[in-house]
Protein backbone atom coordinates (compact mmCIF):
# COMPACT_ATOMS: atom_id res chain seq x y z
CA MET A 1 -14.39 88.04 209.97
CA SER A 2 -14.76 84.71 208.62
CA ASP A 3 -11.94 82.32 208.16
CA ALA A 4 -8.89 83.28 205.62
CA GLU A 5 -6.49 80.96 204.16
CA GLY A 6 -2.62 81.76 203.95
CA VAL A 7 -0.45 79.61 201.63
CA VAL A 8 2.81 78.19 203.03
CA THR A 9 5.97 78.07 200.45
CA SER A 10 8.42 75.48 199.68
CA LYS A 11 10.78 77.68 202.10
CA GLY A 12 8.24 77.28 204.82
CA GLN A 13 7.28 80.86 204.94
CA LEU A 14 3.32 81.98 205.22
CA VAL A 15 1.44 84.45 203.35
CA ILE A 16 -0.78 86.25 205.99
CA PRO A 17 -3.93 87.66 203.91
CA ALA A 18 -4.01 91.29 203.10
CA LYS A 19 -7.02 91.50 205.18
CA LEU A 20 -5.68 90.07 208.44
CA ARG A 21 -2.66 92.04 208.51
CA ARG A 22 -4.54 95.34 208.02
CA LYS A 23 -6.81 94.25 210.80
CA LEU A 24 -3.74 93.37 213.41
CA HIS A 25 -1.72 96.34 211.98
CA ILE A 26 1.06 93.59 210.55
CA GLY A 27 2.99 95.49 208.44
CA LYS A 28 6.88 94.70 206.84
CA GLY A 29 9.31 93.68 209.49
CA THR A 30 6.76 93.00 212.21
CA ARG A 31 7.67 89.91 214.42
CA VAL A 32 5.23 87.50 215.23
CA ARG A 33 5.14 84.92 217.58
CA PHE A 34 3.83 81.08 217.03
CA ALA A 35 1.90 79.21 219.99
CA PRO A 36 0.86 75.69 219.53
CA ILE A 37 -3.24 75.24 220.40
CA GLN A 38 -5.23 72.28 220.14
CA GLY A 39 -5.68 71.53 216.73
CA GLY A 40 -3.28 74.10 215.24
CA ILE A 41 -1.18 77.14 215.64
CA ALA A 42 -1.82 80.96 216.77
CA ILE A 43 -0.12 83.68 215.32
CA TYR A 44 0.48 86.62 217.38
CA PRO A 45 1.81 90.07 216.69
CA GLN A 46 4.47 91.13 218.88
CA ARG A 47 4.58 94.77 219.96
CA GLU A 48 7.04 96.97 220.81
CA TYR A 49 5.79 97.17 224.56
CA ASP A 50 5.13 93.16 224.54
CA ILE A 51 6.17 92.39 228.09
CA GLU A 52 7.32 88.84 227.22
CA ARG A 53 10.46 90.60 225.72
CA PHE A 54 11.50 91.90 229.41
CA LYS A 55 10.87 88.88 231.22
CA GLY A 56 13.98 88.33 233.32
CA ILE A 57 16.06 91.45 232.11
CA PHE A 58 16.81 92.09 235.64
CA ALA A 59 17.67 88.55 236.51
CA ASP A 60 21.33 89.45 237.14
CA ALA A 61 21.12 93.31 238.13
CA ARG A 62 22.76 94.38 241.33
CA PHE A 63 20.51 96.83 243.23
CA PRO A 64 21.95 99.55 245.20
CA PRO A 65 21.65 98.45 249.09
CA ASP A 66 19.82 101.93 249.61
CA LEU A 67 17.05 101.25 247.33
CA GLU A 68 13.61 101.70 248.87
CA ARG A 69 11.26 98.56 248.66
CA ASP A 70 7.86 97.95 249.06
CA PRO A 71 7.61 95.34 252.15
CA ASP A 72 5.45 93.19 250.08
CA ARG A 73 7.86 92.67 247.73
CA GLU A 74 11.05 90.16 246.85
CA PHE A 75 14.01 91.06 244.32
């Protein structure tokens, strides 16, 4: 796919071209993540299964003492 252009509004909103929205399955309400890259910005649609959402979810969890653990793993 060739380069596509979007427009940033006065409110800072970005219009993503329809071809890209269809190709990447970005619909109304899809959350996106912005990441700085050399010379620009990368935009990634976030999926329900995006593992980054769960980072640290068990940080304060207290696991039962009888929980079986793999010998090579730490909690």
